[in-house]
Amino acid sequence: MLVNRWKQPIVIQENGIRITLTSAEEAINWLSHERDQKNDKWRHAWQTCRAVYEGRLPADEARSAVQLAALSRH
């Protein structure tokens, strides 16, 4: 499996925990543990990360979608 790292990681801080995501593959893992999986932004991020993982989209597409999902949590 080829992992496409993002040039700029996404850093999420919550309750004293710092999570750093550097690829769509890592983001899929983070998304699978999120509480609000019915959120439209979560679904979009999940689908986009899967498309990157499957080679149908460039890695930066997933970064943008995950960043929106992370920001919508607050």
PDB file of N, CA and C in Angstrom:
ATOM      1  N   MET A   1       0.845  -1.175   0.000  1.00  0.00           N
ATOM      2  CA  MET A   1       0.000   0.000   0.000  1.00  0.00           C
ATOM      3  C   MET A   1       0.892   1.240   0.000  1.00  0.00           C
ATOM      4  N   LEU A   2       0.618   2.140  -0.898  1.00  0.00           N
ATOM      5  CA  LEU A   2       1.346   3.392  -0.996  1.00  0.00           C
ATOM      6  C   LEU A   2       0.641   4.438  -0.136  1.00  0.00           C
ATOM      7  N   VAL A   3       1.360   5.025   0.807  1.00  0.00           N
ATOM      8  CA  VAL A   3       0.799   6.060   1.659  1.00  0.00           C
ATOM      9  C   VAL A   3       1.280   7.406   1.141  1.00  0.00           C
ATOM     10  N   ASN A   4       0.340   8.285   0.849  1.00  0.00           N
ATOM     11  CA  ASN A   4       0.667   9.626   0.375  1.00  0.00           C
ATOM     12  C   ASN A   4       0.560  10.602   1.529  1.00  0.00           C
ATOM     13  N   ARG A   5       1.706  10.999   2.065  1.00  0.00           N
ATOM     14  CA  ARG A   5       1.744  11.941   3.187  1.00  0.00           C
ATOM     15  C   ARG A   5       1.405  13.345   2.702  1.00  0.00           C
ATOM     16  N   TRP A   6       0.685  14.063   3.557  1.00  0.00           N
ATOM     17  CA  TRP A   6       0.380  15.455   3.265  1.00  0.00           C
ATOM     18  C   TRP A   6       1.593  16.313   3.583  1.00  0.00           C
ATOM     19  N   LYS A   7       1.768  17.399   2.852  1.00  0.00           N
ATOM     20  CA  LYS A   7       2.884  18.306   3.126  1.00  0.00           C
ATOM     21  C   LYS A   7       2.706  18.968   4.488  1.00  0.00           C
ATOM     22  N   GLN A   8       1.473  19.275   4.845  1.00  0.00           N
ATOM     23  CA  GLN A   8       1.159  19.926   6.112  1.00  0.00           C
ATOM     24  C   GLN A   8       0.207  19.024   6.900  1.00  0.00           C
ATOM     25  N   PRO A   9       0.615  18.521   8.070  1.00  0.00           N
ATOM     26  CA  PRO A   9      -0.278  17.656   8.847  1.00  0.00           C
ATOM     27  C   PRO A   9      -1.447  18.447   9.442  1.00  0.00           C
ATOM     28  N   ILE A  10      -2.481  17.732   9.834  1.00  0.00           N
ATOM     29  CA  ILE A  10      -3.599  18.327  10.566  1.00  0.00           C
ATOM     30  C   ILE A  10      -3.395  17.978  12.028  1.00  0.00           C
ATOM     31  N   VAL A  11      -3.432  18.989  12.886  1.00  0.00           N
ATOM     32  CA  VAL A  11      -3.246  18.778  14.316  1.00  0.00           C
ATOM     33  C   VAL A  11      -4.561  19.100  15.022  1.00  0.00           C
ATOM     34  N   ILE A  12      -5.052  18.122  15.771  1.00  0.00           N
ATOM     35  CA  ILE A  12      -6.307  18.269  16.501  1.00  0.00           C
ATOM     36  C   ILE A  12      -5.973  18.179  17.985  1.00  0.00           C
ATOM     37  N   GLN A  13      -6.442  19.159  18.758  1.00  0.00           N
ATOM     38  CA  GLN A  13      -6.216  19.136  20.197  1.00  0.00           C
ATOM     39  C   GLN A  13      -7.564  19.121  20.889  1.00  0.00           C
ATOM     40  N   GLU A  14      -7.741  18.148  21.793  1.00  0.00           N
ATOM     41  CA  GLU A  14      -9.000  18.030  22.513  1.00  0.00           C
ATOM     42  C   GLU A  14      -8.750  17.394  23.876  1.00  0.00           C
ATOM     43  N   ASN A  15      -9.231  18.042  24.910  1.00  0.00           N
ATOM     44  CA  ASN A  15      -9.119  17.520  26.274  1.00  0.00           C
ATOM     45  C   ASN A  15      -7.684  17.128  26.636  1.00  0.00           C
ATOM     46  N   GLY A  16      -6.719  17.953  26.256  1.00  0.00           N
ATOM     47  CA  GLY A  16      -5.329  17.682  26.591  1.00  0.00           C
ATOM     48  C   GLY A  16      -4.657  16.642  25.718  1.00  0.00           C
ATOM     49  N   ILE A  17      -5.351  16.145  24.717  1.00  0.00           N
ATOM     50  CA  ILE A  17      -4.781  15.151  23.801  1.00  0.00           C
ATOM     51  C   ILE A  17      -4.507  15.825  22.457  1.00  0.00           C
ATOM     52  N   ARG A  18      -3.340  15.537  21.920  1.00  0.00           N
ATOM     53  CA  ARG A  18      -2.959  16.097  20.621  1.00  0.00           C
ATOM     54  C   ARG A  18      -2.889  14.955  19.615  1.00  0.00           C
ATOM     55  N   ILE A  19      -3.648  15.092  18.528  1.00  0.00           N
ATOM     56  CA  ILE A  19      -3.682  14.090  17.463  1.00  0.00           C
ATOM     57  C   ILE A  19      -3.119  14.733  16.210  1.00  0.00           C
ATOM     58  N   THR A  20      -2.146  14.088  15.597  1.00  0.00           N
ATOM     59  CA  THR A  20      -1.548  14.583  14.369  1.00  0.00           C
ATOM     60  C   THR A  20      -1.849  13.601  13.253  1.00  0.00           C
ATOM     61  N   LEU A  21      -2.502  14.096  12.213  1.00  0.00           N
ATOM     62  CA  LEU A  21      -2.844  13.276  11.050  1.00  0.00           C
ATOM     63  C   LEU A  21      -1.986  13.720   9.877  1.00  0.00           C
ATOM     64  N   THR A  22      -1.309  12.765   9.255  1.00  0.00           N
ATOM     65  CA  THR A  22      -0.399  13.116   8.157  1.00  0.00           C
ATOM     66  C   THR A  22      -0.766  12.472   6.831  1.00  0.00           C
ATOM     67  N   SER A  23      -1.862  11.682   6.800  1.00  0.00           N
ATOM     68  CA  SER A  23      -2.251  11.017   5.553  1.00  0.00           C
ATOM     69  C   SER A  23      -3.725  10.624   5.608  1.00  0.00           C
ATOM     70  N   ALA A  24      -4.282  10.288   4.466  1.00  0.00           N
ATOM     71  CA  ALA A  24      -5.674   9.825   4.397  1.00  0.00           C
ATOM     72  C   ALA A  24      -5.837   8.531   5.180  1.00  0.00           C
ATOM     73  N   GLU A  25      -4.830   7.679   5.161  1.00  0.00           N
ATOM     74  CA  GLU A  25      -4.900   6.415   5.885  1.00  0.00           C
ATOM     75  C   GLU A  25      -5.005   6.642   7.394  1.00  0.00           C
ATOM     76  N   GLU A  26      -4.222   7.578   7.914  1.00  0.00           N
ATOM     77  CA  GLU A  26      -4.317   7.916   9.332  1.00  0.00           C
ATOM     78  C   GLU A  26      -5.661   8.560   9.644  1.00  0.00           C
ATOM     79  N   ALA A  27      -6.134   9.389   8.732  1.00  0.00           N
ATOM     80  CA  ALA A  27      -7.420  10.060   8.932  1.00  0.00           C
ATOM     81  C   ALA A  27      -8.568   9.057   8.980  1.00  0.00           C
ATOM     82  N   ILE A  28      -8.517   8.004   8.169  1.00  0.00           N
ATOM     83  CA  ILE A  28      -9.554   6.971   8.208  1.00  0.00           C
ATOM     84  C   ILE A  28      -9.607   6.354   9.599  1.00  0.00           C
ATOM     85  N   ASN A  29      -8.465   6.094  10.176  1.00  0.00           N
ATOM     86  CA  ASN A  29      -8.412   5.529  11.522  1.00  0.00           C
ATOM     87  C   ASN A  29      -9.023   6.491  12.532  1.00  0.00           C
ATOM     88  N   TRP A  30      -8.669   7.752  12.456  1.00  0.00           N
ATOM     89  CA  TRP A  30      -9.227   8.754  13.361  1.00  0.00           C
ATOM     90  C   TRP A  30     -10.737   8.875  13.159  1.00  0.00           C
ATOM     91  N   LEU A  31     -11.169   8.945  11.922  1.00  0.00           N
ATOM     92  CA  LEU A  31     -12.595   9.076  11.630  1.00  0.00           C
ATOM     93  C   LEU A  31     -13.399   7.888  12.145  1.00  0.00           C
ATOM     94  N   SER A  32     -12.807   6.714  12.101  1.00  0.00           N
ATOM     95  CA  SER A  32     -13.533   5.528  12.560  1.00  0.00           C
ATOM     96  C   SER A  32     -13.779   5.546  14.067  1.00  0.00           C
ATOM     97  N   HIS A  33     -13.050   6.401  14.799  1.00  0.00           N
ATOM     98  CA  HIS A  33     -13.218   6.498  16.240  1.00  0.00           C
ATOM     99  C   HIS A  33     -13.982   7.755  16.674  1.00  0.00           C
ATOM    100  N   GLU A  34     -14.420   8.536  15.737  1.00  0.00           N
ATOM    101  CA  GLU A  34     -15.159   9.755  16.061  1.00  0.00           C
ATOM    102  C   GLU A  34     -16.571   9.440  16.544  1.00  0.00           C
ATOM    103  N   ARG A  35     -17.060  10.244  17.444  1.00  0.00           N
ATOM    104  CA  ARG A  35     -18.392  10.032  18.024  1.00  0.00           C
ATOM    105  C   ARG A  35     -19.514  10.349  17.041  1.00  0.00           C
ATOM    106  N   ASP A  36     -19.426  11.457  16.346  1.00  0.00           N
ATOM    107  CA  ASP A  36     -20.520  11.939  15.496  1.00  0.00           C
ATOM    108  C   ASP A  36     -20.311  11.501  14.045  1.00  0.00           C
ATOM    109  N   GLN A  37     -20.597  10.253  13.763  1.00  0.00           N
ATOM    110  CA  GLN A  37     -20.383   9.724  12.416  1.00  0.00           C
ATOM    111  C   GLN A  37     -21.570   9.963  11.488  1.00  0.00           C
ATOM    112  N   LYS A  38     -22.602  10.622  11.969  1.00  0.00           N
ATOM    113  CA  LYS A  38     -23.762  10.938  11.129  1.00  0.00           C
ATOM    114  C   LYS A  38     -23.661  12.338  10.542  1.00  0.00           C
ATOM    115  N   ASN A  39     -22.683  13.077  10.972  1.00  0.00           N
ATOM    116  CA  ASN A  39     -22.437  14.430  10.492  1.00  0.00           C
ATOM    117  C   ASN A  39     -22.074  14.395   9.015  1.00  0.00           C
ATOM    118  N   ASP A  40     -22.627  15.302   8.215  1.00  0.00           N
ATOM    119  CA  ASP A  40     -22.347  15.353   6.767  1.00  0.00           C
ATOM    120  C   ASP A  40     -20.869  15.559   6.474  1.00  0.00           C
ATOM    121  N   LYS A  41     -20.209  16.396   7.258  1.00  0.00           N
ATOM    122  CA  LYS A  41     -18.786  16.648   7.024  1.00  0.00           C
ATOM    123  C   LYS A  41     -17.955  15.411   7.347  1.00  0.00           C
ATOM    124  N   TRP A  42     -18.368  14.661   8.376  1.00  0.00           N
ATOM    125  CA  TRP A  42     -17.688  13.401   8.693  1.00  0.00           C
ATOM    126  C   TRP A  42     -17.832  12.436   7.526  1.00  0.00           C
ATOM    127  N   ARG A  43     -19.050  12.287   7.008  1.00  0.00           N
ATOM    128  CA  ARG A  43     -19.304  11.365   5.889  1.00  0.00           C
ATOM    129  C   ARG A  43     -18.492  11.751   4.652  1.00  0.00           C
ATOM    130  N   HIS A  44     -18.452  13.054   4.372  1.00  0.00           N
ATOM    131  CA  HIS A  44     -17.687  13.531   3.218  1.00  0.00           C
ATOM    132  C   HIS A  44     -16.191  13.225   3.399  1.00  0.00           C
ATOM    133  N   ALA A  45     -15.686  13.462   4.596  1.00  0.00           N
ATOM    134  CA  ALA A  45     -14.268  13.180   4.868  1.00  0.00           C
ATOM    135  C   ALA A  45     -13.986  11.689   4.716  1.00  0.00           C
ATOM    136  N   TRP A  46     -14.870  10.847   5.241  1.00  0.00           N
ATOM    137  CA  TRP A  46     -14.699   9.396   5.152  1.00  0.00           C
ATOM    138  C   TRP A  46     -14.665   8.951   3.687  1.00  0.00           C
ATOM    139  N   GLN A  47     -15.632   9.415   2.907  1.00  0.00           N
ATOM    140  CA  GLN A  47     -15.710   9.019   1.499  1.00  0.00           C
ATOM    141  C   GLN A  47     -14.505   9.522   0.712  1.00  0.00           C
ATOM    142  N   THR A  48     -14.058  10.719   1.015  1.00  0.00           N
ATOM    143  CA  THR A  48     -12.903  11.286   0.321  1.00  0.00           C
ATOM    144  C   THR A  48     -11.631  10.526   0.681  1.00  0.00           C
ATOM    145  N   CYS A  49     -11.458  10.203   1.953  1.00  0.00           N
ATOM    146  CA  CYS A  49     -10.281   9.428   2.369  1.00  0.00           C
ATOM    147  C   CYS A  49     -10.277   8.047   1.729  1.00  0.00           C
ATOM    148  N   ARG A  50     -11.423   7.424   1.643  1.00  0.00           N
ATOM    149  CA  ARG A  50     -11.517   6.114   0.985  1.00  0.00           C
ATOM    150  C   ARG A  50     -11.136   6.232  -0.492  1.00  0.00           C
ATOM    151  N   ALA A  51     -11.587   7.290  -1.151  1.00  0.00           N
ATOM    152  CA  ALA A  51     -11.259   7.494  -2.562  1.00  0.00           C
ATOM    153  C   ALA A  51      -9.758   7.696  -2.750  1.00  0.00           C
ATOM    154  N   VAL A  52      -9.120   8.417  -1.833  1.00  0.00           N
ATOM    155  CA  VAL A  52      -7.663   8.605  -1.900  1.00  0.00           C
ATOM    156  C   VAL A  52      -6.975   7.266  -1.679  1.00  0.00           C
ATOM    157  N   TYR A  53      -7.414   6.535  -0.675  1.00  0.00           N
ATOM    158  CA  TYR A  53      -6.845   5.223  -0.375  1.00  0.00           C
ATOM    159  C   TYR A  53      -6.938   4.284  -1.584  1.00  0.00           C
ATOM    160  N   GLU A  54      -8.054   4.370  -2.308  1.00  0.00           N
ATOM    161  CA  GLU A  54      -8.271   3.524  -3.480  1.00  0.00           C
ATOM    162  C   GLU A  54      -7.611   4.083  -4.745  1.00  0.00           C
ATOM    163  N   GLY A  55      -6.986   5.255  -4.634  1.00  0.00           N
ATOM    164  CA  GLY A  55      -6.272   5.831  -5.765  1.00  0.00           C
ATOM    165  C   GLY A  55      -7.140   6.604  -6.736  1.00  0.00           C
ATOM    166  N   ARG A  56      -8.351   6.972  -6.327  1.00  0.00           N
ATOM    167  CA  ARG A  56      -9.263   7.687  -7.219  1.00  0.00           C
ATOM    168  C   ARG A  56      -9.171   9.203  -7.099  1.00  0.00           C
ATOM    169  N   LEU A  57      -8.543   9.695  -6.032  1.00  0.00           N
ATOM    170  CA  LEU A  57      -8.384  11.137  -5.819  1.00  0.00           C
ATOM    171  C   LEU A  57      -6.980  11.429  -5.306  1.00  0.00           C
ATOM    172  N   PRO A  58      -6.498  12.675  -5.519  1.00  0.00           N
ATOM    173  CA  PRO A  58      -5.194  13.052  -4.956  1.00  0.00           C
ATOM    174  C   PRO A  58      -5.280  13.233  -3.439  1.00  0.00           C
ATOM    175  N   ALA A  59      -4.173  13.040  -2.754  1.00  0.00           N
ATOM    176  CA  ALA A  59      -4.121  13.076  -1.289  1.00  0.00           C
ATOM    177  C   ALA A  59      -4.611  14.389  -0.698  1.00  0.00           C
ATOM    178  N   ASP A  60      -4.340  15.500  -1.350  1.00  0.00           N
ATOM    179  CA  ASP A  60      -4.737  16.796  -0.795  1.00  0.00           C
ATOM    180  C   ASP A  60      -6.249  16.968  -0.708  1.00  0.00           C
ATOM    181  N   GLU A  61      -7.001  16.253  -1.538  1.00  0.00           N
ATOM    182  CA  GLU A  61      -8.466  16.308  -1.460  1.00  0.00           C
ATOM    183  C   GLU A  61      -8.917  15.817  -0.087  1.00  0.00           C
ATOM    184  N   ALA A  62      -8.319  14.746   0.377  1.00  0.00           N
ATOM    185  CA  ALA A  62      -8.688  14.188   1.679  1.00  0.00           C
ATOM    186  C   ALA A  62      -8.301  15.140   2.800  1.00  0.00           C
ATOM    187  N   ARG A  63      -7.156  15.779   2.685  1.00  0.00           N
ATOM    188  CA  ARG A  63      -6.710  16.694   3.736  1.00  0.00           C
ATOM    189  C   ARG A  63      -7.742  17.795   3.943  1.00  0.00           C
ATOM    190  N   SER A  64      -8.221  18.375   2.868  1.00  0.00           N
ATOM    191  CA  SER A  64      -9.218  19.446   2.973  1.00  0.00           C
ATOM    192  C   SER A  64     -10.501  18.952   3.628  1.00  0.00           C
ATOM    193  N   ALA A  65     -10.961  17.784   3.223  1.00  0.00           N
ATOM    194  CA  ALA A  65     -12.197  17.224   3.778  1.00  0.00           C
ATOM    195  C   ALA A  65     -12.044  16.895   5.258  1.00  0.00           C
ATOM    196  N   VAL A  66     -10.908  16.348   5.643  1.00  0.00           N
ATOM    197  CA  VAL A  66     -10.669  16.003   7.050  1.00  0.00           C
ATOM    198  C   VAL A  66     -10.549  17.275   7.889  1.00  0.00           C
ATOM    199  N   GLN A  67      -9.917  18.279   7.349  1.00  0.00           N
ATOM    200  CA  GLN A  67      -9.774  19.528   8.077  1.00  0.00           C
ATOM    201  C   GLN A  67     -11.160  20.140   8.354  1.00  0.00           C
ATOM    202  N   LEU A  68     -12.048  20.114   7.377  1.00  0.00           N
ATOM    203  CA  LEU A  68     -13.405  20.610   7.582  1.00  0.00           C
ATOM    204  C   LEU A  68     -14.140  19.791   8.649  1.00  0.00           C
ATOM    205  N   ALA A  69     -13.987  18.486   8.600  1.00  0.00           N
ATOM    206  CA  ALA A  69     -14.637  17.624   9.597  1.00  0.00           C
ATOM    207  C   ALA A  69     -14.101  17.906  10.993  1.00  0.00           C
ATOM    208  N   ALA A  70     -12.794  18.108  11.110  1.00  0.00           N
ATOM    209  CA  ALA A  70     -12.184  18.388  12.416  1.00  0.00           C
ATOM    210  C   ALA A  70     -12.662  19.736  12.957  1.00  0.00           C
ATOM    211  N   LEU A  71     -12.764  20.721  12.095  1.00  0.00           N
ATOM    212  CA  LEU A  71     -13.205  22.058  12.538  1.00  0.00           C
ATOM    213  C   LEU A  71     -14.677  22.064  12.924  1.00  0.00           C
ATOM    214  N   SER A  72     -15.476  21.200  12.311  1.00  0.00           N
ATOM    215  CA  SER A  72     -16.914  21.192  12.597  1.00  0.00           C
ATOM    216  C   SER A  72     -17.231  20.564  13.948  1.00  0.00           C
ATOM    217  N   ARG A  73     -16.257  19.956  14.593  1.00  0.00           N
ATOM    218  CA  ARG A  73     -16.466  19.305  15.877  1.00  0.00           C
ATOM    219  C   ARG A  73     -16.608  20.310  17.002  1.00  0.00           C
ATOM    220  N   HIS A  74     -16.173  21.529  16.816  1.00  0.00           N
ATOM    221  CA  HIS A  74     -16.161  22.506  17.926  1.00  0.00           C
ATOM    222  C   HIS A  74     -17.248  23.538  17.769  1.00  0.00           C
TER     223      HIS A  74
END
